[in-house]
Amino acid sequence: MIYIIDGYNVMHVIEQGDGIAAADLDEKRRRFIEQVISHAAVTGDKTTIVFDSVLAKSPAFNNINGSDVAVVFASASESADIIIGKLV
Protein backbone atom coordinates (compact mmCIF):
# COMPACT_ATOMS: atom_id res chain seq x y z
CA MET A 1 0.00 0.00 0.00
CA ILE A 2 1.08 3.59 -0.58
CA TYR A 3 0.19 6.37 1.85
CA ILE A 4 0.37 10.11 1.29
CA ILE A 5 -0.09 12.02 4.56
CA ASP A 6 -0.76 15.71 5.13
CA GLY A 7 1.59 15.87 8.10
CA TYR A 8 0.28 18.88 9.98
CA ASN A 9 -3.37 17.88 9.51
CA VAL A 10 -2.71 14.48 11.06
CA MET A 11 -0.59 15.98 13.82
CA HIS A 12 -3.42 18.37 14.75
CA VAL A 13 -5.82 15.43 15.00
CA ILE A 14 -3.35 13.60 17.24
CA GLU A 15 -3.23 16.70 19.44
CA GLN A 16 -7.06 16.59 19.52
CA GLY A 17 -7.44 20.02 17.98
CA ASP A 18 -5.54 21.76 20.77
CA GLY A 19 -2.96 23.07 18.33
CA ILE A 20 0.78 22.75 18.50
CA ALA A 21 2.85 25.45 20.15
CA ALA A 22 5.62 26.81 17.94
CA ALA A 23 8.17 25.88 20.61
CA ASP A 24 7.06 22.22 20.42
CA LEU A 25 6.66 21.97 16.66
CA ASP A 26 10.08 20.58 15.70
CA GLU A 27 10.03 17.91 18.41
CA LYS A 28 6.44 16.84 17.72
CA ARG A 29 7.11 16.72 13.98
CA ARG A 30 10.23 14.59 14.57
CA ARG A 31 8.28 12.17 16.80
CA PHE A 32 5.47 11.95 14.26
CA ILE A 33 7.92 11.12 11.47
CA GLU A 34 9.55 8.46 13.66
CA GLN A 35 6.13 6.89 14.32
CA VAL A 36 5.41 6.76 10.60
CA ILE A 37 8.84 5.23 9.91
CA SER A 38 8.18 2.56 12.56
CA HIS A 39 4.78 1.77 11.07
CA ALA A 40 6.19 1.54 7.55
CA ALA A 41 8.98 -0.76 8.76
CA VAL A 42 6.41 -3.21 10.14
CA THR A 43 3.96 -3.03 7.25
CA GLY A 44 6.30 -2.43 4.32
CA ASP A 45 4.04 0.41 3.16
CA LYS A 46 5.57 3.24 1.16
CA THR A 47 4.68 6.55 2.78
CA THR A 48 5.14 10.18 1.87
CA ILE A 49 4.54 12.82 4.54
CA VAL A 50 3.93 16.34 3.22
CA PHE A 51 4.28 19.40 5.46
CA ASP A 52 3.40 22.99 4.62
CA SER A 53 6.28 25.47 4.75
CA VAL A 54 6.19 29.16 4.00
CA LEU A 55 9.95 29.59 4.36
CA ALA A 56 11.14 27.39 1.49
CA LYS A 57 11.46 28.84 -2.01
CA SER A 58 10.74 25.46 -3.59
CA PRO A 59 9.51 22.11 -2.25
CA ALA A 60 12.15 19.91 -0.63
CA PHE A 61 11.85 16.13 -1.01
CA ASN A 62 13.83 14.00 1.46
CA ASN A 63 13.94 10.20 1.41
CA ILE A 64 14.58 8.80 4.87
CA ASN A 65 17.55 6.42 4.58
CA GLY A 66 16.80 2.81 5.37
CA SER A 67 13.02 3.24 5.15
CA ASP A 68 10.18 3.48 2.67
CA VAL A 69 9.31 6.95 3.97
CA ALA A 70 9.82 10.28 2.25
CA VAL A 71 9.28 13.68 3.84
CA VAL A 72 8.35 16.67 1.71
CA PHE A 73 8.35 20.28 2.84
CA ALA A 74 6.15 22.40 0.61
CA SER A 75 6.92 26.01 -0.23
CA ALA A 76 5.25 29.38 -0.10
CA SER A 77 4.33 29.04 -3.77
CA GLU A 78 3.31 25.36 -3.68
CA SER A 79 1.30 24.25 -0.65
CA ALA A 80 1.12 20.75 0.81
CA ASP A 81 -2.35 20.38 -0.75
CA ILE A 82 -0.97 21.10 -4.23
CA ILE A 83 1.91 18.65 -3.77
CA ILE A 84 -0.45 15.97 -2.45
CA GLY A 85 -2.69 16.50 -5.46
CA LYS A 86 0.27 16.03 -7.79
CA LEU A 87 1.39 12.89 -5.97
CA VAL A 88 -2.07 11.36 -6.13
C-alpha atoms as a PDB file:
ATOM      1  CA  MET A   1       0.000   0.000   0.000  1.00  0.00           C
ATOM      2  CA  ILE A   2       1.082   3.590  -0.582  1.00  0.00           C
ATOM      3  CA  TYR A   3       0.189   6.373   1.848  1.00  0.00           C
ATOM      4  CA  ILE A   4       0.370  10.114   1.290  1.00  0.00           C
ATOM      5  CA  ILE A   5      -0.089  12.019   4.557  1.00  0.00           C
ATOM      6  CA  ASP A   6      -0.758  15.714   5.126  1.00  0.00           C
ATOM      7  CA  GLY A   7       1.588  15.871   8.099  1.00  0.00           C
ATOM      8  CA  TYR A   8       0.276  18.885   9.980  1.00  0.00           C
ATOM      9  CA  ASN A   9      -3.374  17.878   9.506  1.00  0.00           C
ATOM     10  CA  VAL A  10      -2.712  14.478  11.061  1.00  0.00           C
ATOM     11  CA  MET A  11      -0.586  15.978  13.822  1.00  0.00           C
ATOM     12  CA  HIS A  12      -3.416  18.367  14.745  1.00  0.00           C
ATOM     13  CA  VAL A  13      -5.823  15.428  14.995  1.00  0.00           C
ATOM     14  CA  ILE A  14      -3.348  13.602  17.238  1.00  0.00           C
ATOM     15  CA  GLU A  15      -3.227  16.699  19.442  1.00  0.00           C
ATOM     16  CA  GLN A  16      -7.058  16.586  19.515  1.00  0.00           C
ATOM     17  CA  GLY A  17      -7.436  20.020  17.984  1.00  0.00           C
ATOM     18  CA  ASP A  18      -5.536  21.759  20.775  1.00  0.00           C
ATOM     19  CA  GLY A  19      -2.964  23.073  18.331  1.00  0.00           C
ATOM     20  CA  ILE A  20       0.782  22.754  18.501  1.00  0.00           C
ATOM     21  CA  ALA A  21       2.850  25.450  20.149  1.00  0.00           C
ATOM     22  CA  ALA A  22       5.624  26.815  17.944  1.00  0.00           C
ATOM     23  CA  ALA A  23       8.174  25.882  20.612  1.00  0.00           C
ATOM     24  CA  ASP A  24       7.062  22.220  20.420  1.00  0.00           C
ATOM     25  CA  LEU A  25       6.658  21.968  16.659  1.00  0.00           C
ATOM     26  CA  ASP A  26      10.080  20.580  15.701  1.00  0.00           C
ATOM     27  CA  GLU A  27      10.033  17.908  18.406  1.00  0.00           C
ATOM     28  CA  LYS A  28       6.441  16.838  17.715  1.00  0.00           C
ATOM     29  CA  ARG A  29       7.108  16.717  13.975  1.00  0.00           C
ATOM     30  CA  ARG A  30      10.230  14.591  14.572  1.00  0.00           C
ATOM     31  CA  ARG A  31       8.283  12.175  16.800  1.00  0.00           C
ATOM     32  CA  PHE A  32       5.469  11.948  14.262  1.00  0.00           C
ATOM     33  CA  ILE A  33       7.923  11.124  11.466  1.00  0.00           C
ATOM     34  CA  GLU A  34       9.547   8.462  13.664  1.00  0.00           C
ATOM     35  CA  GLN A  35       6.129   6.892  14.320  1.00  0.00           C
ATOM     36  CA  VAL A  36       5.409   6.763  10.598  1.00  0.00           C
ATOM     37  CA  ILE A  37       8.838   5.230   9.910  1.00  0.00           C
ATOM     38  CA  SER A  38       8.182   2.562  12.564  1.00  0.00           C
ATOM     39  CA  HIS A  39       4.776   1.768  11.073  1.00  0.00           C
ATOM     40  CA  ALA A  40       6.190   1.544   7.551  1.00  0.00           C
ATOM     41  CA  ALA A  41       8.983  -0.755   8.765  1.00  0.00           C
ATOM     42  CA  VAL A  42       6.412  -3.212  10.136  1.00  0.00           C
ATOM     43  CA  THR A  43       3.955  -3.031   7.245  1.00  0.00           C
ATOM     44  CA  GLY A  44       6.301  -2.432   4.316  1.00  0.00           C
ATOM     45  CA  ASP A  45       4.044   0.411   3.164  1.00  0.00           C
ATOM     46  CA  LYS A  46       5.566   3.241   1.156  1.00  0.00           C
ATOM     47  CA  THR A  47       4.677   6.546   2.775  1.00  0.00           C
ATOM     48  CA  THR A  48       5.140  10.180   1.874  1.00  0.00           C
ATOM     49  CA  ILE A  49       4.537  12.822   4.537  1.00  0.00           C
ATOM     50  CA  VAL A  50       3.935  16.337   3.221  1.00  0.00           C
ATOM     51  CA  PHE A  51       4.277  19.402   5.462  1.00  0.00           C
ATOM     52  CA  ASP A  52       3.402  22.995   4.617  1.00  0.00           C
ATOM     53  CA  SER A  53       6.275  25.467   4.749  1.00  0.00           C
ATOM     54  CA  VAL A  54       6.195  29.163   4.005  1.00  0.00           C
ATOM     55  CA  LEU A  55       9.955  29.586   4.357  1.00  0.00           C
ATOM     56  CA  ALA A  56      11.137  27.390   1.491  1.00  0.00           C
ATOM     57  CA  LYS A  57      11.458  28.839  -2.009  1.00  0.00           C
ATOM     58  CA  SER A  58      10.741  25.460  -3.588  1.00  0.00           C
ATOM     59  CA  PRO A  59       9.512  22.110  -2.252  1.00  0.00           C
ATOM     60  CA  ALA A  60      12.154  19.914  -0.630  1.00  0.00           C
ATOM     61  CA  PHE A  61      11.854  16.129  -1.006  1.00  0.00           C
ATOM     62  CA  ASN A  62      13.827  14.001   1.455  1.00  0.00           C
ATOM     63  CA  ASN A  63      13.944  10.203   1.413  1.00  0.00           C
ATOM     64  CA  ILE A  64      14.581   8.795   4.871  1.00  0.00           C
ATOM     65  CA  ASN A  65      17.547   6.423   4.577  1.00  0.00           C
ATOM     66  CA  GLY A  66      16.800   2.813   5.375  1.00  0.00           C
ATOM     67  CA  SER A  67      13.025   3.244   5.146  1.00  0.00           C
ATOM     68  CA  ASP A  68      10.176   3.483   2.665  1.00  0.00           C
ATOM     69  CA  VAL A  69       9.313   6.948   3.966  1.00  0.00           C
ATOM     70  CA  ALA A  70       9.822  10.282   2.255  1.00  0.00           C
ATOM     71  CA  VAL A  71       9.275  13.681   3.843  1.00  0.00           C
ATOM     72  CA  VAL A  72       8.349  16.667   1.706  1.00  0.00           C
ATOM     73  CA  PHE A  73       8.352  20.285   2.839  1.00  0.00           C
ATOM     74  CA  ALA A  74       6.148  22.403   0.607  1.00  0.00           C
ATOM     75  CA  SER A  75       6.920  26.013  -0.225  1.00  0.00           C
ATOM     76  CA  ALA A  76       5.249  29.382  -0.101  1.00  0.00           C
ATOM     77  CA  SER A  77       4.325  29.040  -3.771  1.00  0.00           C
ATOM     78  CA  GLU A  78       3.309  25.358  -3.685  1.00  0.00           C
ATOM     79  CA  SER A  79       1.297  24.247  -0.647  1.00  0.00           C
ATOM     80  CA  ALA A  80       1.116  20.748   0.805  1.00  0.00           C
ATOM     81  CA  ASP A  81      -2.351  20.384  -0.749  1.00  0.00           C
ATOM     82  CA  ILE A  82      -0.966  21.098  -4.230  1.00  0.00           C
ATOM     83  CA  ILE A  83       1.910  18.646  -3.769  1.00  0.00           C
ATOM     84  CA  ILE A  84      -0.446  15.968  -2.452  1.00  0.00           C
ATOM     85  CA  GLY A  85      -2.693  16.500  -5.462  1.00  0.00           C
ATOM     86  CA  LYS A  86       0.265  16.030  -7.791  1.00  0.00           C
ATOM     87  CA  LEU A  87       1.394  12.886  -5.966  1.00  0.00           C
ATOM     88  CA  VAL A  88      -2.066  11.361  -6.126  1.00  0.00           C
END
